[in-house]
């Protein structure tokens, strides 16, 4: 993430698309969640043309 997202805030994420990098508006899937800039997130929904909904990335435990 390149900016903080949370209630009332629109963030931005950079995603790899077709061999390049594109910016998308990002909102938390949980409307009460807040993520600081630099947090790794998982895209869980997409609304055309450039909006994604995200949650905090949780790596699989080994």
PDB file of N, CA and C in Angstrom:
ATOM      1  N   UNK A   1       0.829  -1.167   0.000  1.00  0.00           N
ATOM      2  CA  UNK A   1       0.000   0.000   0.000  1.00  0.00           C
ATOM      3  C   UNK A   1       0.879   1.238   0.000  1.00  0.00           C
ATOM      4  N   UNK A   2       0.426   2.238  -0.709  1.00  0.00           N
ATOM      5  CA  UNK A   2       1.213   3.457  -0.780  1.00  0.00           C
ATOM      6  C   UNK A   2       0.623   4.568   0.064  1.00  0.00           C
ATOM      7  N   UNK A   3      -0.521   4.327   0.690  1.00  0.00           N
ATOM      8  CA  UNK A   3      -1.137   5.322   1.554  1.00  0.00           C
ATOM      9  C   UNK A   3      -2.026   4.639   2.574  1.00  0.00           C
ATOM     10  N   UNK A   4      -2.250   5.298   3.709  1.00  0.00           N
ATOM     11  CA  UNK A   4      -3.099   4.739   4.760  1.00  0.00           C
ATOM     12  C   UNK A   4      -4.533   4.655   4.283  1.00  0.00           C
ATOM     13  N   UNK A   5      -5.191   3.522   4.600  1.00  0.00           N
ATOM     14  CA  UNK A   5      -6.611   3.407   4.303  1.00  0.00           C
ATOM     15  C   UNK A   5      -7.345   3.077   5.592  1.00  0.00           C
ATOM     16  N   UNK A   6      -8.597   3.484   5.648  1.00  0.00           N
ATOM     17  CA  UNK A   6      -9.420   3.229   6.815  1.00  0.00           C
ATOM     18  C   UNK A   6     -10.754   3.919   6.665  1.00  0.00           C
ATOM     19  N   UNK A   7     -11.527   3.984   7.743  1.00  0.00           N
ATOM     20  CA  UNK A   7     -12.836   4.640   7.671  1.00  0.00           C
ATOM     21  C   UNK A   7     -12.711   6.076   7.155  1.00  0.00           C
ATOM     22  N   UNK A   8     -13.401   6.364   6.082  1.00  0.00           N
ATOM     23  CA  UNK A   8     -13.382   7.704   5.498  1.00  0.00           C
ATOM     24  C   UNK A   8     -12.142   8.030   4.681  1.00  0.00           C
ATOM     25  N   UNK A   9     -11.231   7.066   4.506  1.00  0.00           N
ATOM     26  CA  UNK A   9     -10.007   7.304   3.743  1.00  0.00           C
ATOM     27  C   UNK A   9      -9.944   6.397   2.522  1.00  0.00           C
ATOM     28  N   UNK A  10      -9.489   6.956   1.419  1.00  0.00           N
ATOM     29  CA  UNK A  10      -9.257   6.162   0.215  1.00  0.00           C
ATOM     30  C   UNK A  10      -7.760   5.949   0.110  1.00  0.00           C
ATOM     31  N   UNK A  11      -7.343   4.696   0.074  1.00  0.00           N
ATOM     32  CA  UNK A  11      -5.923   4.387  -0.059  1.00  0.00           C
ATOM     33  C   UNK A  11      -5.581   4.039  -1.494  1.00  0.00           C
ATOM     34  N   UNK A  12      -4.357   3.619  -1.676  1.00  0.00           N
ATOM     35  CA  UNK A  12      -3.892   3.226  -2.997  1.00  0.00           C
ATOM     36  C   UNK A  12      -3.005   2.000  -2.854  1.00  0.00           C
ATOM     37  N   UNK A  13      -3.163   1.062  -3.764  1.00  0.00           N
ATOM     38  CA  UNK A  13      -2.279  -0.096  -3.831  1.00  0.00           C
ATOM     39  C   UNK A  13      -1.709  -0.176  -5.233  1.00  0.00           C
ATOM     40  N   UNK A  14      -0.501  -0.702  -5.327  1.00  0.00           N
ATOM     41  CA  UNK A  14       0.137  -0.938  -6.618  1.00  0.00           C
ATOM     42  C   UNK A  14       0.095  -2.435  -6.871  1.00  0.00           C
ATOM     43  N   UNK A  15      -0.459  -2.825  -8.015  1.00  0.00           N
ATOM     44  CA  UNK A  15      -0.616  -4.231  -8.359  1.00  0.00           C
ATOM     45  C   UNK A  15       0.085  -4.538  -9.672  1.00  0.00           C
ATOM     46  N   UNK A  16       0.646  -5.726  -9.755  1.00  0.00           N
ATOM     47  CA  UNK A  16       1.250  -6.183 -11.009  1.00  0.00           C
ATOM     48  C   UNK A  16       0.143  -6.593 -11.961  1.00  0.00           C
ATOM     49  N   UNK A  17       0.129  -5.979 -13.143  1.00  0.00           N
ATOM     50  CA  UNK A  17      -0.887  -6.265 -14.154  1.00  0.00           C
ATOM     51  C   UNK A  17      -0.215  -6.335 -15.514  1.00  0.00           C
ATOM     52  N   UNK A  18      -0.384  -7.458 -16.207  1.00  0.00           N
ATOM     53  CA  UNK A  18       0.133  -7.615 -17.562  1.00  0.00           C
ATOM     54  C   UNK A  18       1.595  -7.202 -17.701  1.00  0.00           C
ATOM     55  N   UNK A  19       2.433  -7.615 -16.756  1.00  0.00           N
ATOM     56  CA  UNK A  19       3.856  -7.328 -16.839  1.00  0.00           C
ATOM     57  C   UNK A  19       4.266  -5.942 -16.381  1.00  0.00           C
ATOM     58  N   UNK A  20       3.341  -5.140 -15.923  1.00  0.00           N
ATOM     59  CA  UNK A  20       3.647  -3.799 -15.428  1.00  0.00           C
ATOM     60  C   UNK A  20       3.052  -3.607 -14.039  1.00  0.00           C
ATOM     61  N   UNK A  21       3.060  -2.375 -13.569  1.00  0.00           N
ATOM     62  CA  UNK A  21       2.486  -2.035 -12.270  1.00  0.00           C
ATOM     63  C   UNK A  21       1.448  -0.951 -12.469  1.00  0.00           C
ATOM     64  N   UNK A  22       0.277  -1.149 -11.855  1.00  0.00           N
ATOM     65  CA  UNK A  22      -0.808  -0.177 -11.966  1.00  0.00           C
ATOM     66  C   UNK A  22      -1.332   0.167 -10.580  1.00  0.00           C
ATOM     67  N   UNK A  23      -1.785   1.406 -10.410  1.00  0.00           N
ATOM     68  CA  UNK A  23      -2.338   1.876  -9.145  1.00  0.00           C
ATOM     69  C   UNK A  23      -3.857   1.700  -9.135  1.00  0.00           C
ATOM     70  N   UNK A  24      -4.373   1.290  -7.987  1.00  0.00           N
ATOM     71  CA  UNK A  24      -5.814   1.118  -7.790  1.00  0.00           C
ATOM     72  C   UNK A  24      -6.223   1.808  -6.496  1.00  0.00           C
ATOM     73  N   UNK A  25      -7.435   2.382  -6.466  1.00  0.00           N
ATOM     74  CA  UNK A  25      -7.999   2.894  -5.222  1.00  0.00           C
ATOM     75  C   UNK A  25      -8.279   1.704  -4.321  1.00  0.00           C
ATOM     76  N   UNK A  26      -8.026   1.836  -3.025  1.00  0.00           N
ATOM     77  CA  UNK A  26      -8.194   0.709  -2.108  1.00  0.00           C
ATOM     78  C   UNK A  26      -9.037   1.101  -0.899  1.00  0.00           C
ATOM     79  N   UNK A  27      -9.950   0.206  -0.549  1.00  0.00           N
ATOM     80  CA  UNK A  27     -10.779   0.342   0.644  1.00  0.00           C
ATOM     81  C   UNK A  27     -10.647  -0.941   1.454  1.00  0.00           C
ATOM     82  N   UNK A  28     -10.721  -0.853   2.788  1.00  0.00           N
ATOM     83  CA  UNK A  28     -10.703  -2.086   3.580  1.00  0.00           C
ATOM     84  C   UNK A  28     -12.032  -2.825   3.426  1.00  0.00           C
ATOM     85  N   UNK A  29     -12.010  -4.155   3.319  1.00  0.00           N
ATOM     86  CA  UNK A  29     -13.239  -4.939   3.222  1.00  0.00           C
ATOM     87  C   UNK A  29     -14.036  -4.805   4.527  1.00  0.00           C
ATOM     88  N   UNK A  30     -13.319  -4.675   5.662  1.00  0.00           N
ATOM     89  CA  UNK A  30     -13.942  -4.400   6.963  1.00  0.00           C
ATOM     90  C   UNK A  30     -13.964  -2.883   7.117  1.00  0.00           C
ATOM     91  N   UNK A  31     -15.134  -2.258   7.092  1.00  0.00           N
ATOM     92  CA  UNK A  31     -15.200  -0.795   7.098  1.00  0.00           C
ATOM     93  C   UNK A  31     -14.585  -0.125   8.329  1.00  0.00           C
ATOM     94  N   UNK A  32     -14.303  -0.891   9.380  1.00  0.00           N
ATOM     95  CA  UNK A  32     -13.697  -0.329  10.588  1.00  0.00           C
ATOM     96  C   UNK A  32     -12.171  -0.496  10.623  1.00  0.00           C
ATOM     97  N   UNK A  33     -11.613  -1.256   9.684  1.00  0.00           N
ATOM     98  CA  UNK A  33     -10.166  -1.545   9.683  1.00  0.00           C
ATOM     99  C   UNK A  33      -9.369  -0.353   9.158  1.00  0.00           C
ATOM    100  N   UNK A  34      -8.145  -0.236   9.648  1.00  0.00           N
ATOM    101  CA  UNK A  34      -7.200   0.777   9.179  1.00  0.00           C
ATOM    102  C   UNK A  34      -5.869   0.086   8.899  1.00  0.00           C
ATOM    103  N   UNK A  35      -5.257   0.420   7.766  1.00  0.00           N
ATOM    104  CA  UNK A  35      -3.968  -0.134   7.385  1.00  0.00           C
ATOM    105  C   UNK A  35      -3.016   1.012   7.073  1.00  0.00           C
ATOM    106  N   UNK A  36      -1.843   0.967   7.671  1.00  0.00           N
ATOM    107  CA  UNK A  36      -0.833   1.999   7.439  1.00  0.00           C
ATOM    108  C   UNK A  36      -0.136   1.770   6.100  1.00  0.00           C
ATOM    109  N   UNK A  37       0.449   2.824   5.600  1.00  0.00           N
ATOM    110  CA  UNK A  37       1.245   2.734   4.379  1.00  0.00           C
ATOM    111  C   UNK A  37       2.323   1.669   4.559  1.00  0.00           C
ATOM    112  N   UNK A  38       2.510   0.813   3.556  1.00  0.00           N
ATOM    113  CA  UNK A  38       3.508  -0.237   3.602  1.00  0.00           C
ATOM    114  C   UNK A  38       2.977  -1.575   4.082  1.00  0.00           C
ATOM    115  N   UNK A  39       1.739  -1.623   4.574  1.00  0.00           N
ATOM    116  CA  UNK A  39       1.145  -2.876   5.026  1.00  0.00           C
ATOM    117  C   UNK A  39       0.898  -3.785   3.826  1.00  0.00           C
ATOM    118  N   UNK A  40       1.246  -5.070   3.945  1.00  0.00           N
ATOM    119  CA  UNK A  40       0.935  -6.020   2.878  1.00  0.00           C
ATOM    120  C   UNK A  40      -0.531  -6.416   3.004  1.00  0.00           C
ATOM    121  N   UNK A  41      -1.240  -6.336   1.875  1.00  0.00           N
ATOM    122  CA  UNK A  41      -2.669  -6.645   1.868  1.00  0.00           C
ATOM    123  C   UNK A  41      -2.991  -7.658   0.778  1.00  0.00           C
ATOM    124  N   UNK A  42      -4.158  -8.262   0.920  1.00  0.00           N
ATOM    125  CA  UNK A  42      -4.677  -9.212  -0.052  1.00  0.00           C
ATOM    126  C   UNK A  42      -5.920  -8.595  -0.686  1.00  0.00           C
ATOM    127  N   UNK A  43      -5.976  -8.552  -2.001  1.00  0.00           N
ATOM    128  CA  UNK A  43      -7.160  -8.048  -2.697  1.00  0.00           C
ATOM    129  C   UNK A  43      -8.239  -9.129  -2.645  1.00  0.00           C
ATOM    130  N   UNK A  44      -9.413  -8.776  -2.115  1.00  0.00           N
ATOM    131  CA  UNK A  44     -10.497  -9.750  -1.981  1.00  0.00           C
ATOM    132  C   UNK A  44     -11.707  -9.417  -2.846  1.00  0.00           C
ATOM    133  N   UNK A  45     -11.733  -8.225  -3.426  1.00  0.00           N
ATOM    134  CA  UNK A  45     -12.832  -7.862  -4.321  1.00  0.00           C
ATOM    135  C   UNK A  45     -12.358  -6.751  -5.249  1.00  0.00           C
ATOM    136  N   UNK A  46     -13.009  -6.629  -6.389  1.00  0.00           N
ATOM    137  CA  UNK A  46     -12.649  -5.650  -7.414  1.00  0.00           C
ATOM    138  C   UNK A  46     -13.919  -5.047  -7.990  1.00  0.00           C
ATOM    139  N   UNK A  47     -13.923  -3.719  -8.149  1.00  0.00           N
ATOM    140  CA  UNK A  47     -15.009  -3.013  -8.834  1.00  0.00           C
ATOM    141  C   UNK A  47     -14.393  -2.198  -9.959  1.00  0.00           C
ATOM    142  N   UNK A  48     -14.803  -2.475 -11.194  1.00  0.00           N
ATOM    143  CA  UNK A  48     -14.265  -1.696 -12.316  1.00  0.00           C
ATOM    144  C   UNK A  48     -14.606  -0.220 -12.154  1.00  0.00           C
ATOM    145  N   UNK A  49     -13.769   0.688 -12.614  1.00  0.00           N
ATOM    146  CA  UNK A  49     -12.580   0.359 -13.378  1.00  0.00           C
ATOM    147  C   UNK A  49     -11.315   0.197 -12.525  1.00  0.00           C
ATOM    148  N   UNK A  50     -11.195   0.845 -11.339  1.00  0.00           N
ATOM    149  CA  UNK A  50      -9.907   0.818 -10.629  1.00  0.00           C
ATOM    150  C   UNK A  50     -10.059   0.810  -9.113  1.00  0.00           C
ATOM    151  N   UNK A  51     -11.041   0.102  -8.591  1.00  0.00           N
ATOM    152  CA  UNK A  51     -11.259   0.049  -7.144  1.00  0.00           C
ATOM    153  C   UNK A  51     -11.118  -1.380  -6.648  1.00  0.00           C
ATOM    154  N   UNK A  52     -10.360  -1.563  -5.550  1.00  0.00           N
ATOM    155  CA  UNK A  52     -10.211  -2.876  -4.934  1.00  0.00           C
ATOM    156  C   UNK A  52     -10.546  -2.769  -3.451  1.00  0.00           C
ATOM    157  N   UNK A  53     -10.969  -3.897  -2.893  1.00  0.00           N
ATOM    158  CA  UNK A  53     -11.215  -4.020  -1.458  1.00  0.00           C
ATOM    159  C   UNK A  53     -10.191  -5.002  -0.920  1.00  0.00           C
ATOM    160  N   UNK A  54      -9.595  -4.651   0.216  1.00  0.00           N
ATOM    161  CA  UNK A  54      -8.456  -5.423   0.715  1.00  0.00           C
ATOM    162  C   UNK A  54      -8.632  -5.800   2.183  1.00  0.00           C
ATOM    163  N   UNK A  55      -7.864  -6.830   2.578  1.00  0.00           N
ATOM    164  CA  UNK A  55      -7.726  -7.186   3.979  1.00  0.00           C
ATOM    165  C   UNK A  55      -6.247  -7.411   4.247  1.00  0.00           C
ATOM    166  N   UNK A  56      -5.868  -7.417   5.521  1.00  0.00           N
ATOM    167  CA  UNK A  56      -4.458  -7.613   5.876  1.00  0.00           C
ATOM    168  C   UNK A  56      -3.995  -8.995   5.402  1.00  0.00           C
ATOM    169  N   UNK A  57      -2.799  -9.045   4.815  1.00  0.00           N
ATOM    170  CA  UNK A  57      -2.212 -10.293   4.346  1.00  0.00           C
ATOM    171  C   UNK A  57      -1.834 -11.143   5.547  1.00  0.00           C
ATOM    172  N   UNK A  58      -2.265 -12.400   5.565  1.00  0.00           N
ATOM    173  CA  UNK A  58      -1.918 -13.348   6.608  1.00  0.00           C
ATOM    174  C   UNK A  58      -1.176 -14.517   5.971  1.00  0.00           C
ATOM    175  N   UNK A  59       0.155 -14.557   6.073  1.00  0.00           N
ATOM    176  CA  UNK A  59       0.884 -15.684   5.461  1.00  0.00           C
ATOM    177  C   UNK A  59       0.475 -17.011   6.084  1.00  0.00           C
ATOM    178  N   UNK A  60       0.531 -18.058   5.281  1.00  0.00           N
ATOM    179  CA  UNK A  60       0.213 -19.387   5.788  1.00  0.00           C
ATOM    180  C   UNK A  60       1.290 -19.829   6.774  1.00  0.00           C
ATOM    181  N   UNK A  61       0.869 -20.424   7.869  1.00  0.00           N
ATOM    182  CA  UNK A  61       1.823 -20.919   8.865  1.00  0.00           C
ATOM    183  C   UNK A  61       2.398 -22.239   8.401  1.00  0.00           C
ATOM    184  N   UNK A  62       3.625 -22.504   8.761  1.00  0.00           N
ATOM    185  CA  UNK A  62       4.277 -23.781   8.417  1.00  0.00           C
ATOM    186  C   UNK A  62       4.570 -24.531   9.675  1.00  0.00           C
TER     187      UNK A  62
END
